[in-house]
Amino acid sequence: MIRVSDLDKSIDFYTNTLGLKLVRKKDYPHGKFTLAFLSVSNDDPEPFLELTYNWDKNSYTLGNAFGHIALGVENIYDICDEIKNKGGFISREPGPMKGSTSILAFVEDPDGYKIELLQR
């Protein structure tokens, strides 16, 4: 779960830029928050990413305990080009990890959370 400052903007990024699917979204008026659940496909029994939007909070300090979200992808170079074409920010272009043959890239969501893309 990550807390987001603009739920619509975050859902747009994770669905339209990264290609995830919004599985469900629910408002909790008594707690003044909304939860949105995302997954790779609409058929996944359990979503793997939860976005929490607190209605009375518009920014967060990301802190230093959180590292990043990691996603395995089929063609990292094409995906990074597509993300850039959709206005996404690639903070590390695809290429080999230092001292390894693993190919990775990093993208940032609207709140600055880092998402690692790993070539599979």
PDB file of N, CA and C in Angstrom:
ATOM      1  N   MET A   1       0.841  -1.171   0.000  1.00  0.00           N
ATOM      2  CA  MET A   1       0.000   0.000   0.000  1.00  0.00           C
ATOM      3  C   MET A   1       0.884   1.231   0.000  1.00  0.00           C
ATOM      4  N   ILE A   2       0.503   2.196  -0.830  1.00  0.00           N
ATOM      5  CA  ILE A   2       1.163   3.497  -0.803  1.00  0.00           C
ATOM      6  C   ILE A   2       0.089   4.570  -0.719  1.00  0.00           C
ATOM      7  N   ARG A   3       0.428   5.647  -0.027  1.00  0.00           N
ATOM      8  CA  ARG A   3      -0.484   6.775   0.097  1.00  0.00           C
ATOM      9  C   ARG A   3      -0.218   7.744  -1.048  1.00  0.00           C
ATOM     10  N   VAL A   4      -1.296   8.214  -1.654  1.00  0.00           N
ATOM     11  CA  VAL A   4      -1.157   9.111  -2.801  1.00  0.00           C
ATOM     12  C   VAL A   4      -1.864  10.434  -2.526  1.00  0.00           C
ATOM     13  N   SER A   5      -1.381  11.494  -3.158  1.00  0.00           N
ATOM     14  CA  SER A   5      -1.937  12.821  -2.906  1.00  0.00           C
ATOM     15  C   SER A   5      -3.061  13.188  -3.870  1.00  0.00           C
ATOM     16  N   ASP A   6      -3.126  12.551  -5.029  1.00  0.00           N
ATOM     17  CA  ASP A   6      -4.175  12.810  -6.024  1.00  0.00           C
ATOM     18  C   ASP A   6      -4.561  11.455  -6.615  1.00  0.00           C
ATOM     19  N   LEU A   7      -5.670  10.901  -6.133  1.00  0.00           N
ATOM     20  CA  LEU A   7      -6.050   9.539  -6.516  1.00  0.00           C
ATOM     21  C   LEU A   7      -6.295   9.401  -8.014  1.00  0.00           C
ATOM     22  N   ASP A   8      -7.008  10.347  -8.604  1.00  0.00           N
ATOM     23  CA  ASP A   8      -7.294  10.251 -10.042  1.00  0.00           C
ATOM     24  C   ASP A   8      -6.007  10.277 -10.865  1.00  0.00           C
ATOM     25  N   LYS A   9      -5.096  11.162 -10.505  1.00  0.00           N
ATOM     26  CA  LYS A   9      -3.817  11.268 -11.215  1.00  0.00           C
ATOM     27  C   LYS A   9      -3.000   9.976 -11.052  1.00  0.00           C
ATOM     28  N   SER A  10      -3.014   9.405  -9.845  1.00  0.00           N
ATOM     29  CA  SER A  10      -2.278   8.169  -9.598  1.00  0.00           C
ATOM     30  C   SER A  10      -2.898   6.986 -10.343  1.00  0.00           C
ATOM     31  N   ILE A  11      -4.216   6.886 -10.316  1.00  0.00           N
ATOM     32  CA  ILE A  11      -4.882   5.805 -11.052  1.00  0.00           C
ATOM     33  C   ILE A  11      -4.580   5.933 -12.541  1.00  0.00           C
ATOM     34  N   ASP A  12      -4.621   7.149 -13.060  1.00  0.00           N
ATOM     35  CA  ASP A  12      -4.301   7.371 -14.467  1.00  0.00           C
ATOM     36  C   ASP A  12      -2.876   6.902 -14.777  1.00  0.00           C
ATOM     37  N   PHE A  13      -1.923   7.250 -13.925  1.00  0.00           N
ATOM     38  CA  PHE A  13      -0.536   6.844 -14.138  1.00  0.00           C
ATOM     39  C   PHE A  13      -0.398   5.318 -14.125  1.00  0.00           C
ATOM     40  N   TYR A  14      -0.921   4.674 -13.095  1.00  0.00           N
ATOM     41  CA  TYR A  14      -0.732   3.227 -12.966  1.00  0.00           C
ATOM     42  C   TYR A  14      -1.515   2.431 -14.015  1.00  0.00           C
ATOM     43  N   THR A  15      -2.638   2.949 -14.494  1.00  0.00           N
ATOM     44  CA  THR A  15      -3.406   2.222 -15.510  1.00  0.00           C
ATOM     45  C   THR A  15      -2.979   2.602 -16.926  1.00  0.00           C
ATOM     46  N   ASN A  16      -2.986   3.891 -17.242  1.00  0.00           N
ATOM     47  CA  ASN A  16      -2.702   4.313 -18.615  1.00  0.00           C
ATOM     48  C   ASN A  16      -1.220   4.376 -18.954  1.00  0.00           C
ATOM     49  N   THR A  17      -0.369   4.675 -17.993  1.00  0.00           N
ATOM     50  CA  THR A  17       1.068   4.771 -18.264  1.00  0.00           C
ATOM     51  C   THR A  17       1.768   3.437 -18.035  1.00  0.00           C
ATOM     52  N   LEU A  18       1.459   2.761 -16.915  1.00  0.00           N
ATOM     53  CA  LEU A  18       2.111   1.473 -16.630  1.00  0.00           C
ATOM     54  C   LEU A  18       1.321   0.264 -17.110  1.00  0.00           C
ATOM     55  N   GLY A  19       0.043   0.433 -17.414  1.00  0.00           N
ATOM     56  CA  GLY A  19      -0.744  -0.664 -17.962  1.00  0.00           C
ATOM     57  C   GLY A  19      -1.394  -1.582 -16.942  1.00  0.00           C
ATOM     58  N   LEU A  20      -1.415  -1.187 -15.667  1.00  0.00           N
ATOM     59  CA  LEU A  20      -2.116  -2.005 -14.672  1.00  0.00           C
ATOM     60  C   LEU A  20      -3.616  -1.817 -14.826  1.00  0.00           C
ATOM     61  N   LYS A  21      -4.378  -2.680 -14.178  1.00  0.00           N
ATOM     62  CA  LYS A  21      -5.837  -2.612 -14.233  1.00  0.00           C
ATOM     63  C   LYS A  21      -6.386  -2.211 -12.875  1.00  0.00           C
ATOM     64  N   LEU A  22      -7.345  -1.303 -12.874  1.00  0.00           N
ATOM     65  CA  LEU A  22      -8.040  -0.942 -11.648  1.00  0.00           C
ATOM     66  C   LEU A  22      -9.062  -2.042 -11.378  1.00  0.00           C
ATOM     67  N   VAL A  23      -8.851  -2.799 -10.308  1.00  0.00           N
ATOM     68  CA  VAL A  23      -9.716  -3.928  -9.983  1.00  0.00           C
ATOM     69  C   VAL A  23     -10.939  -3.470  -9.202  1.00  0.00           C
ATOM     70  N   ARG A  24     -10.720  -2.598  -8.231  1.00  0.00           N
ATOM     71  CA  ARG A  24     -11.843  -2.027  -7.491  1.00  0.00           C
ATOM     72  C   ARG A  24     -11.398  -0.755  -6.772  1.00  0.00           C
ATOM     73  N   LYS A  25     -12.408   0.041  -6.433  1.00  0.00           N
ATOM     74  CA  LYS A  25     -12.178   1.313  -5.742  1.00  0.00           C
ATOM     75  C   LYS A  25     -13.350   1.521  -4.799  1.00  0.00           C
ATOM     76  N   LYS A  26     -13.060   1.913  -3.558  1.00  0.00           N
ATOM     77  CA  LYS A  26     -14.143   2.085  -2.596  1.00  0.00           C
ATOM     78  C   LYS A  26     -13.856   3.263  -1.682  1.00  0.00           C
ATOM     79  N   ASP A  27     -14.894   4.088  -1.490  1.00  0.00           N
ATOM     80  CA  ASP A  27     -14.824   5.210  -0.565  1.00  0.00           C
ATOM     81  C   ASP A  27     -15.215   4.741   0.833  1.00  0.00           C
ATOM     82  N   TYR A  28     -14.561   5.299   1.837  1.00  0.00           N
ATOM     83  CA  TYR A  28     -14.869   5.055   3.238  1.00  0.00           C
ATOM     84  C   TYR A  28     -15.127   6.399   3.915  1.00  0.00           C
ATOM     85  N   PRO A  29     -16.378   6.917   3.764  1.00  0.00           N
ATOM     86  CA  PRO A  29     -16.698   8.251   4.282  1.00  0.00           C
ATOM     87  C   PRO A  29     -16.456   8.400   5.786  1.00  0.00           C
ATOM     88  N   HIS A  30     -16.706   7.351   6.555  1.00  0.00           N
ATOM     89  CA  HIS A  30     -16.516   7.440   8.008  1.00  0.00           C
ATOM     90  C   HIS A  30     -15.044   7.688   8.370  1.00  0.00           C
ATOM     91  N   GLY A  31     -14.125   7.176   7.557  1.00  0.00           N
ATOM     92  CA  GLY A  31     -12.699   7.368   7.808  1.00  0.00           C
ATOM     93  C   GLY A  31     -12.076   8.437   6.936  1.00  0.00           C
ATOM     94  N   LYS A  32     -12.873   8.983   6.013  1.00  0.00           N
ATOM     95  CA  LYS A  32     -12.420  10.019   5.081  1.00  0.00           C
ATOM     96  C   LYS A  32     -11.231   9.565   4.240  1.00  0.00           C
ATOM     97  N   PHE A  33     -11.375   8.372   3.623  1.00  0.00           N
ATOM     98  CA  PHE A  33     -10.343   7.876   2.720  1.00  0.00           C
ATOM     99  C   PHE A  33     -10.972   7.008   1.641  1.00  0.00           C
ATOM    100  N   THR A  34     -10.211   6.819   0.565  1.00  0.00           N
ATOM    101  CA  THR A  34     -10.606   5.961  -0.550  1.00  0.00           C
ATOM    102  C   THR A  34      -9.477   4.988  -0.807  1.00  0.00           C
ATOM    103  N   LEU A  35      -9.839   3.731  -1.084  1.00  0.00           N
ATOM    104  CA  LEU A  35      -8.866   2.712  -1.458  1.00  0.00           C
ATOM    105  C   LEU A  35      -9.081   2.329  -2.912  1.00  0.00           C
ATOM    106  N   ALA A  36      -7.988   2.192  -3.645  1.00  0.00           N
ATOM    107  CA  ALA A  36      -8.034   1.709  -5.029  1.00  0.00           C
ATOM    108  C   ALA A  36      -7.059   0.544  -5.127  1.00  0.00           C
ATOM    109  N   PHE A  37      -7.505  -0.537  -5.751  1.00  0.00           N
ATOM    110  CA  PHE A  37      -6.700  -1.751  -5.864  1.00  0.00           C
ATOM    111  C   PHE A  37      -6.377  -2.016  -7.326  1.00  0.00           C
ATOM    112  N   LEU A  38      -5.103  -2.257  -7.614  1.00  0.00           N
ATOM    113  CA  LEU A  38      -4.631  -2.461  -8.978  1.00  0.00           C
ATOM    114  C   LEU A  38      -3.966  -3.820  -9.117  1.00  0.00           C
ATOM    115  N   SER A  39      -4.011  -4.351 -10.341  1.00  0.00           N
ATOM    116  CA  SER A  39      -3.380  -5.634 -10.616  1.00  0.00           C
ATOM    117  C   SER A  39      -2.954  -5.680 -12.068  1.00  0.00           C
ATOM    118  N   VAL A  40      -2.305  -6.765 -12.430  1.00  0.00           N
ATOM    119  CA  VAL A  40      -1.834  -6.935 -13.804  1.00  0.00           C
ATOM    120  C   VAL A  40      -3.005  -7.193 -14.745  1.00  0.00           C
ATOM    121  N   SER A  41      -4.013  -7.924 -14.270  1.00  0.00           N
ATOM    122  CA  SER A  41      -5.191  -8.178 -15.109  1.00  0.00           C
ATOM    123  C   SER A  41      -6.447  -8.131 -14.249  1.00  0.00           C
ATOM    124  N   ASN A  42      -7.580  -7.989 -14.903  1.00  0.00           N
ATOM    125  CA  ASN A  42      -8.857  -7.967 -14.192  1.00  0.00           C
ATOM    126  C   ASN A  42      -9.203  -9.322 -13.598  1.00  0.00           C
ATOM    127  N   ASP A  43      -8.524 -10.381 -14.051  1.00  0.00           N
ATOM    128  CA  ASP A  43      -8.817 -11.742 -13.598  1.00  0.00           C
ATOM    129  C   ASP A  43      -8.013 -12.160 -12.376  1.00  0.00           C
ATOM    130  N   ASP A  44      -7.063 -11.331 -11.933  1.00  0.00           N
ATOM    131  CA  ASP A  44      -6.267 -11.690 -10.760  1.00  0.00           C
ATOM    132  C   ASP A  44      -7.175 -11.787  -9.540  1.00  0.00           C
ATOM    133  N   PRO A  45      -7.078 -12.891  -8.784  1.00  0.00           N
ATOM    134  CA  PRO A  45      -7.940 -13.033  -7.604  1.00  0.00           C
ATOM    135  C   PRO A  45      -7.619 -12.025  -6.502  1.00  0.00           C
ATOM    136  N   GLU A  46      -6.372 -11.626  -6.407  1.00  0.00           N
ATOM    137  CA  GLU A  46      -5.964 -10.650  -5.403  1.00  0.00           C
ATOM    138  C   GLU A  46      -5.133  -9.555  -6.054  1.00  0.00           C
ATOM    139  N   PRO A  47      -5.548  -8.297  -5.924  1.00  0.00           N
ATOM    140  CA  PRO A  47      -4.729  -7.207  -6.447  1.00  0.00           C
ATOM    141  C   PRO A  47      -3.399  -7.145  -5.710  1.00  0.00           C
ATOM    142  N   PHE A  48      -2.388  -6.593  -6.363  1.00  0.00           N
ATOM    143  CA  PHE A  48      -1.080  -6.558  -5.714  1.00  0.00           C
ATOM    144  C   PHE A  48      -0.640  -5.159  -5.304  1.00  0.00           C
ATOM    145  N   LEU A  49      -1.383  -4.132  -5.686  1.00  0.00           N
ATOM    146  CA  LEU A  49      -1.016  -2.778  -5.274  1.00  0.00           C
ATOM    147  C   LEU A  49      -2.260  -2.047  -4.781  1.00  0.00           C
ATOM    148  N   GLU A  50      -2.149  -1.479  -3.589  1.00  0.00           N
ATOM    149  CA  GLU A  50      -3.239  -0.713  -2.998  1.00  0.00           C
ATOM    150  C   GLU A  50      -2.813   0.744  -2.916  1.00  0.00           C
ATOM    151  N   LEU A  51      -3.652   1.628  -3.448  1.00  0.00           N
ATOM    152  CA  LEU A  51      -3.443   3.066  -3.326  1.00  0.00           C
ATOM    153  C   LEU A  51      -4.418   3.590  -2.279  1.00  0.00           C
ATOM    154  N   THR A  52      -3.909   4.347  -1.328  1.00  0.00           N
ATOM    155  CA  THR A  52      -4.759   4.945  -0.301  1.00  0.00           C
ATOM    156  C   THR A  52      -4.744   6.454  -0.472  1.00  0.00           C
ATOM    157  N   TYR A  53      -5.940   7.009  -0.584  1.00  0.00           N
ATOM    158  CA  TYR A  53      -6.089   8.458  -0.680  1.00  0.00           C
ATOM    159  C   TYR A  53      -6.845   8.946   0.554  1.00  0.00           C
ATOM    160  N   ASN A  54      -6.175   9.694   1.403  1.00  0.00           N
ATOM    161  CA  ASN A  54      -6.799  10.303   2.581  1.00  0.00           C
ATOM    162  C   ASN A  54      -7.337  11.665   2.170  1.00  0.00           C
ATOM    163  N   TRP A  55      -8.621  11.871   2.366  1.00  0.00           N
ATOM    164  CA  TRP A  55      -9.292  13.044   1.846  1.00  0.00           C
ATOM    165  C   TRP A  55      -8.761  14.355   2.426  1.00  0.00           C
ATOM    166  N   ASP A  56      -8.239  14.324   3.621  1.00  0.00           N
ATOM    167  CA  ASP A  56      -7.805  15.564   4.258  1.00  0.00           C
ATOM    168  C   ASP A  56      -6.288  15.761   4.245  1.00  0.00           C
ATOM    169  N   LYS A  57      -5.607  15.027   3.373  1.00  0.00           N
ATOM    170  CA  LYS A  57      -4.139  15.118   3.308  1.00  0.00           C
ATOM    171  C   LYS A  57      -3.751  15.253   1.846  1.00  0.00           C
ATOM    172  N   ASN A  58      -2.920  16.255   1.504  1.00  0.00           N
ATOM    173  CA  ASN A  58      -2.585  16.438   0.094  1.00  0.00           C
ATOM    174  C   ASN A  58      -1.106  16.248  -0.221  1.00  0.00           C
ATOM    175  N   SER A  59      -0.289  15.884   0.783  1.00  0.00           N
ATOM    176  CA  SER A  59       1.105  15.574   0.482  1.00  0.00           C
ATOM    177  C   SER A  59       1.683  14.701   1.586  1.00  0.00           C
ATOM    178  N   TYR A  60       2.728  13.984   1.240  1.00  0.00           N
ATOM    179  CA  TYR A  60       3.388  13.069   2.171  1.00  0.00           C
ATOM    180  C   TYR A  60       4.889  13.194   2.022  1.00  0.00           C
ATOM    181  N   THR A  61       5.591  12.873   3.094  1.00  0.00           N
ATOM    182  CA  THR A  61       7.026  12.703   3.040  1.00  0.00           C
ATOM    183  C   THR A  61       7.258  11.226   2.792  1.00  0.00           C
ATOM    184  N   LEU A  62       7.988  10.890   1.731  1.00  0.00           N
ATOM    185  CA  LEU A  62       8.150   9.487   1.369  1.00  0.00           C
ATOM    186  C   LEU A  62       9.005   8.726   2.378  1.00  0.00           C
ATOM    187  N   GLY A  63       9.869   9.395   3.080  1.00  0.00           N
ATOM    188  CA  GLY A  63      10.668   8.728   4.103  1.00  0.00           C
ATOM    189  C   GLY A  63      11.806   7.924   3.515  1.00  0.00           C
ATOM    190  N   ASN A  64      12.588   7.300   4.390  1.00  0.00           N
ATOM    191  CA  ASN A  64      13.727   6.530   3.900  1.00  0.00           C
ATOM    192  C   ASN A  64      13.601   5.032   4.161  1.00  0.00           C
ATOM    193  N   ALA A  65      12.464   4.569   4.681  1.00  0.00           N
ATOM    194  CA  ALA A  65      12.264   3.139   4.910  1.00  0.00           C
ATOM    195  C   ALA A  65      11.758   2.443   3.645  1.00  0.00           C
ATOM    196  N   PHE A  66      11.010   3.157   2.828  1.00  0.00           N
ATOM    197  CA  PHE A  66      10.462   2.591   1.596  1.00  0.00           C
ATOM    198  C   PHE A  66      11.527   2.615   0.513  1.00  0.00           C
ATOM    199  N   GLY A  67      11.688   1.504  -0.198  1.00  0.00           N
ATOM    200  CA  GLY A  67      12.651   1.453  -1.295  1.00  0.00           C
ATOM    201  C   GLY A  67      11.979   1.754  -2.619  1.00  0.00           C
ATOM    202  N   HIS A  68      11.300   0.758  -3.173  1.00  0.00           N
ATOM    203  CA  HIS A  68      10.616   0.935  -4.439  1.00  0.00           C
ATOM    204  C   HIS A  68       9.706  -0.252  -4.708  1.00  0.00           C
ATOM    205  N   ILE A  69       8.842  -0.092  -5.684  1.00  0.00           N
ATOM    206  CA  ILE A  69       8.005  -1.168  -6.200  1.00  0.00           C
ATOM    207  C   ILE A  69       8.772  -1.765  -7.369  1.00  0.00           C
ATOM    208  N   ALA A  70       8.736  -3.076  -7.540  1.00  0.00           N
ATOM    209  CA  ALA A  70       9.428  -3.715  -8.664  1.00  0.00           C
ATOM    210  C   ALA A  70       8.426  -4.502  -9.500  1.00  0.00           C
ATOM    211  N   LEU A  71       8.527  -4.353 -10.814  1.00  0.00           N
ATOM    212  CA  LEU A  71       7.664  -5.063 -11.757  1.00  0.00           C
ATOM    213  C   LEU A  71       8.515  -5.750 -12.814  1.00  0.00           C
ATOM    214  N   GLY A  72       8.257  -7.022 -13.078  1.00  0.00           N
ATOM    215  CA  GLY A  72       8.897  -7.711 -14.186  1.00  0.00           C
ATOM    216  C   GLY A  72       8.172  -7.375 -15.474  1.00  0.00           C
ATOM    217  N   VAL A  73       8.916  -7.087 -16.533  1.00  0.00           N
ATOM    218  CA  VAL A  73       8.320  -6.715 -17.819  1.00  0.00           C
ATOM    219  C   VAL A  73       8.960  -7.508 -18.949  1.00  0.00           C
ATOM    220  N   GLU A  74       8.243  -7.646 -20.053  1.00  0.00           N
ATOM    221  CA  GLU A  74       8.709  -8.439 -21.189  1.00  0.00           C
ATOM    222  C   GLU A  74       9.732  -7.705 -22.059  1.00  0.00           C
ATOM    223  N   ASN A  75       9.483  -6.454 -22.406  1.00  0.00           N
ATOM    224  CA  ASN A  75      10.402  -5.716 -23.267  1.00  0.00           C
ATOM    225  C   ASN A  75      10.623  -4.331 -22.681  1.00  0.00           C
ATOM    226  N   ILE A  76      11.612  -4.239 -21.836  1.00  0.00           N
ATOM    227  CA  ILE A  76      11.853  -3.031 -21.042  1.00  0.00           C
ATOM    228  C   ILE A  76      12.099  -1.786 -21.910  1.00  0.00           C
ATOM    229  N   TYR A  77      12.789  -1.942 -23.031  1.00  0.00           N
ATOM    230  CA  TYR A  77      13.102  -0.790 -23.884  1.00  0.00           C
ATOM    231  C   TYR A  77      11.832  -0.224 -24.525  1.00  0.00           C
ATOM    232  N   ASP A  78      10.979  -1.097 -25.042  1.00  0.00           N
ATOM    233  CA  ASP A  78       9.721  -0.642 -25.634  1.00  0.00           C
ATOM    234  C   ASP A  78       8.805  -0.034 -24.577  1.00  0.00           C
ATOM    235  N   ILE A  79       8.755  -0.663 -23.412  1.00  0.00           N
ATOM    236  CA  ILE A  79       7.896  -0.159 -22.345  1.00  0.00           C
ATOM    237  C   ILE A  79       8.361   1.218 -21.888  1.00  0.00           C
ATOM    238  N   CYS A  80       9.659   1.411 -21.738  1.00  0.00           N
ATOM    239  CA  CYS A  80      10.170   2.730 -21.336  1.00  0.00           C
ATOM    240  C   CYS A  80       9.872   3.783 -22.396  1.00  0.00           C
ATOM    241  N   ASP A  81      10.003   3.442 -23.668  1.00  0.00           N
ATOM    242  CA  ASP A  81       9.640   4.383 -24.731  1.00  0.00           C
ATOM    243  C   ASP A  81       8.163   4.750 -24.636  1.00  0.00           C
ATOM    244  N   GLU A  82       7.313   3.739 -24.400  1.00  0.00           N
ATOM    245  CA  GLU A  82       5.875   3.977 -24.287  1.00  0.00           C
ATOM    246  C   GLU A  82       5.558   4.866 -23.081  1.00  0.00           C
ATOM    247  N   ILE A  83       6.218   4.610 -21.953  1.00  0.00           N
ATOM    248  CA  ILE A  83       6.005   5.430 -20.753  1.00  0.00           C
ATOM    249  C   ILE A  83       6.391   6.878 -21.034  1.00  0.00           C
ATOM    250  N   LYS A  84       7.534   7.098 -21.690  1.00  0.00           N
ATOM    251  CA  LYS A  84       7.957   8.465 -22.027  1.00  0.00           C
ATOM    252  C   LYS A  84       6.961   9.126 -22.972  1.00  0.00           C
ATOM    253  N   ASN A  85       6.479   8.373 -23.972  1.00  0.00           N
ATOM    254  CA  ASN A  85       5.509   8.926 -24.923  1.00  0.00           C
ATOM    255  C   ASN A  85       4.212   9.332 -24.247  1.00  0.00           C
ATOM    256  N   LYS A  86       3.887   8.676 -23.116  1.00  0.00           N
ATOM    257  CA  LYS A  86       2.673   8.998 -22.368  1.00  0.00           C
ATOM    258  C   LYS A  86       2.932  10.055 -21.295  1.00  0.00           C
ATOM    259  N   GLY A  87       4.142  10.624 -21.278  1.00  0.00           N
ATOM    260  CA  GLY A  87       4.451  11.686 -20.333  1.00  0.00           C
ATOM    261  C   GLY A  87       5.035  11.217 -19.013  1.00  0.00           C
ATOM    262  N   GLY A  88       5.338   9.920 -18.898  1.00  0.00           N
ATOM    263  CA  GLY A  88       5.934   9.399 -17.675  1.00  0.00           C
ATOM    264  C   GLY A  88       7.402   9.783 -17.560  1.00  0.00           C
ATOM    265  N   PHE A  89       7.921   9.801 -16.342  1.00  0.00           N
ATOM    266  CA  PHE A  89       9.302  10.194 -16.080  1.00  0.00           C
ATOM    267  C   PHE A  89      10.157   8.966 -15.802  1.00  0.00           C
ATOM    268  N   ILE A  90      11.114   8.705 -16.672  1.00  0.00           N
ATOM    269  CA  ILE A  90      12.085   7.625 -16.488  1.00  0.00           C
ATOM    270  C   ILE A  90      13.279   8.236 -15.768  1.00  0.00           C
ATOM    271  N   SER A  91      13.489   7.855 -14.511  1.00  0.00           N
ATOM    272  CA  SER A  91      14.600   8.432 -13.744  1.00  0.00           C
ATOM    273  C   SER A  91      15.897   7.664 -13.955  1.00  0.00           C
ATOM    274  N   ARG A  92      15.816   6.453 -14.478  1.00  0.00           N
ATOM    275  CA  ARG A  92      17.007   5.684 -14.878  1.00  0.00           C
ATOM    276  C   ARG A  92      16.648   4.926 -16.136  1.00  0.00           C
ATOM    277  N   GLU A  93      17.321   5.263 -17.213  1.00  0.00           N
ATOM    278  CA  GLU A  93      17.061   4.610 -18.496  1.00  0.00           C
ATOM    279  C   GLU A  93      17.397   3.114 -18.393  1.00  0.00           C
ATOM    280  N   PRO A  94      16.764   2.290 -19.223  1.00  0.00           N
ATOM    281  CA  PRO A  94      17.041   0.856 -19.164  1.00  0.00           C
ATOM    282  C   PRO A  94      18.497   0.543 -19.508  1.00  0.00           C
ATOM    283  N   GLY A  95      19.028  -0.398 -18.772  1.00  0.00           N
ATOM    284  CA  GLY A  95      20.396  -0.842 -18.996  1.00  0.00           C
ATOM    285  C   GLY A  95      20.801  -1.829 -17.916  1.00  0.00           C
ATOM    286  N   PRO A  96      21.997  -2.390 -18.057  1.00  0.00           N
ATOM    287  CA  PRO A  96      22.424  -3.394 -17.087  1.00  0.00           C
ATOM    288  C   PRO A  96      22.699  -2.779 -15.714  1.00  0.00           C
ATOM    289  N   MET A  97      22.348  -3.549 -14.683  1.00  0.00           N
ATOM    290  CA  MET A  97      22.682  -3.163 -13.316  1.00  0.00           C
ATOM    291  C   MET A  97      24.175  -3.340 -13.136  1.00  0.00           C
ATOM    292  N   LYS A  98      24.796  -2.414 -12.422  1.00  0.00           N
ATOM    293  CA  LYS A  98      26.242  -2.462 -12.217  1.00  0.00           C
ATOM    294  C   LYS A  98      26.645  -3.810 -11.608  1.00  0.00           C
ATOM    295  N   GLY A  99      27.606  -4.462 -12.251  1.00  0.00           N
ATOM    296  CA  GLY A  99      28.105  -5.742 -11.761  1.00  0.00           C
ATOM    297  C   GLY A  99      27.181  -6.909 -12.023  1.00  0.00           C
ATOM    298  N   SER A 100      26.209  -6.743 -12.931  1.00  0.00           N
ATOM    299  CA  SER A 100      25.231  -7.800 -13.186  1.00  0.00           C
ATOM    300  C   SER A 100      24.805  -7.772 -14.643  1.00  0.00           C
ATOM    301  N   THR A 101      24.152  -8.823 -15.075  1.00  0.00           N
ATOM    302  CA  THR A 101      23.577  -8.847 -16.424  1.00  0.00           C
ATOM    303  C   THR A 101      22.093  -8.485 -16.401  1.00  0.00           C
ATOM    304  N   SER A 102      21.537  -8.233 -15.209  1.00  0.00           N
ATOM    305  CA  SER A 102      20.127  -7.840 -15.101  1.00  0.00           C
ATOM    306  C   SER A 102      19.921  -6.478 -15.751  1.00  0.00           C
ATOM    307  N   ILE A 103      18.869  -6.389 -16.576  1.00  0.00           N
ATOM    308  CA  ILE A 103      18.511  -5.135 -17.232  1.00  0.00           C
ATOM    309  C   ILE A 103      17.357  -4.521 -16.451  1.00  0.00           C
ATOM    310  N   LEU A 104      17.536  -3.262 -16.051  1.00  0.00           N
ATOM    311  CA  LEU A 104      16.494  -2.604 -15.270  1.00  0.00           C
ATOM    312  C   LEU A 104      16.393  -1.139 -15.642  1.00  0.00           C
ATOM    313  N   ALA A 105      15.294  -0.542 -15.225  1.00  0.00           N
ATOM    314  CA  ALA A 105      15.048   0.892 -15.391  1.00  0.00           C
ATOM    315  C   ALA A 105      14.208   1.336 -14.205  1.00  0.00           C
ATOM    316  N   PHE A 106      14.150   2.640 -13.986  1.00  0.00           N
ATOM    317  CA  PHE A 106      13.293   3.187 -12.938  1.00  0.00           C
ATOM    318  C   PHE A 106      12.401   4.264 -13.525  1.00  0.00           C
ATOM    319  N   VAL A 107      11.143   4.256 -13.100  1.00  0.00           N
ATOM    320  CA  VAL A 107      10.166   5.271 -13.450  1.00  0.00           C
ATOM    321  C   VAL A 107       9.617   5.820 -12.134  1.00  0.00           C
ATOM    322  N   GLU A 108       9.110   7.055 -12.152  1.00  0.00           N
ATOM    323  CA  GLU A 108       8.523   7.631 -10.949  1.00  0.00           C
ATOM    324  C   GLU A 108       7.053   7.932 -11.182  1.00  0.00           C
ATOM    325  N   ASP A 109       6.240   7.652 -10.157  1.00  0.00           N
ATOM    326  CA  ASP A 109       4.818   7.955 -10.251  1.00  0.00           C
ATOM    327  C   ASP A 109       4.582   9.422  -9.889  1.00  0.00           C
ATOM    328  N   PRO A 110       3.335   9.916  -9.960  1.00  0.00           N
ATOM    329  CA  PRO A 110       3.079  11.331  -9.704  1.00  0.00           C
ATOM    330  C   PRO A 110       3.485  11.808  -8.308  1.00  0.00           C
ATOM    331  N   ASP A 111       3.560  10.904  -7.332  1.00  0.00           N
ATOM    332  CA  ASP A 111       3.968  11.295  -5.981  1.00  0.00           C
ATOM    333  C   ASP A 111       5.463  11.133  -5.759  1.00  0.00           C
ATOM    334  N   GLY A 112       6.193  10.640  -6.753  1.00  0.00           N
ATOM    335  CA  GLY A 112       7.627  10.457  -6.615  1.00  0.00           C
ATOM    336  C   GLY A 112       8.055   9.069  -6.163  1.00  0.00           C
ATOM    337  N   TYR A 113       7.079   8.151  -6.015  1.00  0.00           N
ATOM    338  CA  TYR A 113       7.447   6.769  -5.697  1.00  0.00           C
ATOM    339  C   TYR A 113       8.202   6.180  -6.873  1.00  0.00           C
ATOM    340  N   LYS A 114       9.241   5.426  -6.580  1.00  0.00           N
ATOM    341  CA  LYS A 114      10.053   4.825  -7.628  1.00  0.00           C
ATOM    342  C   LYS A 114       9.536   3.416  -7.930  1.00  0.00           C
ATOM    343  N   ILE A 115       9.446   3.112  -9.221  1.00  0.00           N
ATOM    344  CA  ILE A 115       9.044   1.796  -9.696  1.00  0.00           C
ATOM    345  C   ILE A 115      10.180   1.242 -10.538  1.00  0.00           C
ATOM    346  N   GLU A 116      10.717   0.117 -10.113  1.00  0.00           N
ATOM    347  CA  GLU A 116      11.780  -0.547 -10.862  1.00  0.00           C
ATOM    348  C   GLU A 116      11.139  -1.482 -11.876  1.00  0.00           C
ATOM    349  N   LEU A 117      11.584  -1.370 -13.114  1.00  0.00           N
ATOM    350  CA  LEU A 117      11.166  -2.295 -14.167  1.00  0.00           C
ATOM    351  C   LEU A 117      12.329  -3.244 -14.403  1.00  0.00           C
ATOM    352  N   LEU A 118      12.044  -4.548 -14.367  1.00  0.00           N
ATOM    353  CA  LEU A 118      13.066  -5.572 -14.554  1.00  0.00           C
ATOM    354  C   LEU A 118      12.771  -6.378 -15.811  1.00  0.00           C
ATOM    355  N   GLN A 119      13.736  -6.461 -16.706  1.00  0.00           N
ATOM    356  CA  GLN A 119      13.566  -7.246 -17.920  1.00  0.00           C
ATOM    357  C   GLN A 119      13.425  -8.720 -17.552  1.00  0.00           C
ATOM    358  N   ARG A 120      12.388  -9.359 -18.022  1.00  0.00           N
ATOM    359  CA  ARG A 120      12.162 -10.797 -17.794  1.00  0.00           C
ATOM    360  C   ARG A 120      12.326 -11.563 -19.065  1.00  0.00           C
TER     361      ARG A 120
END
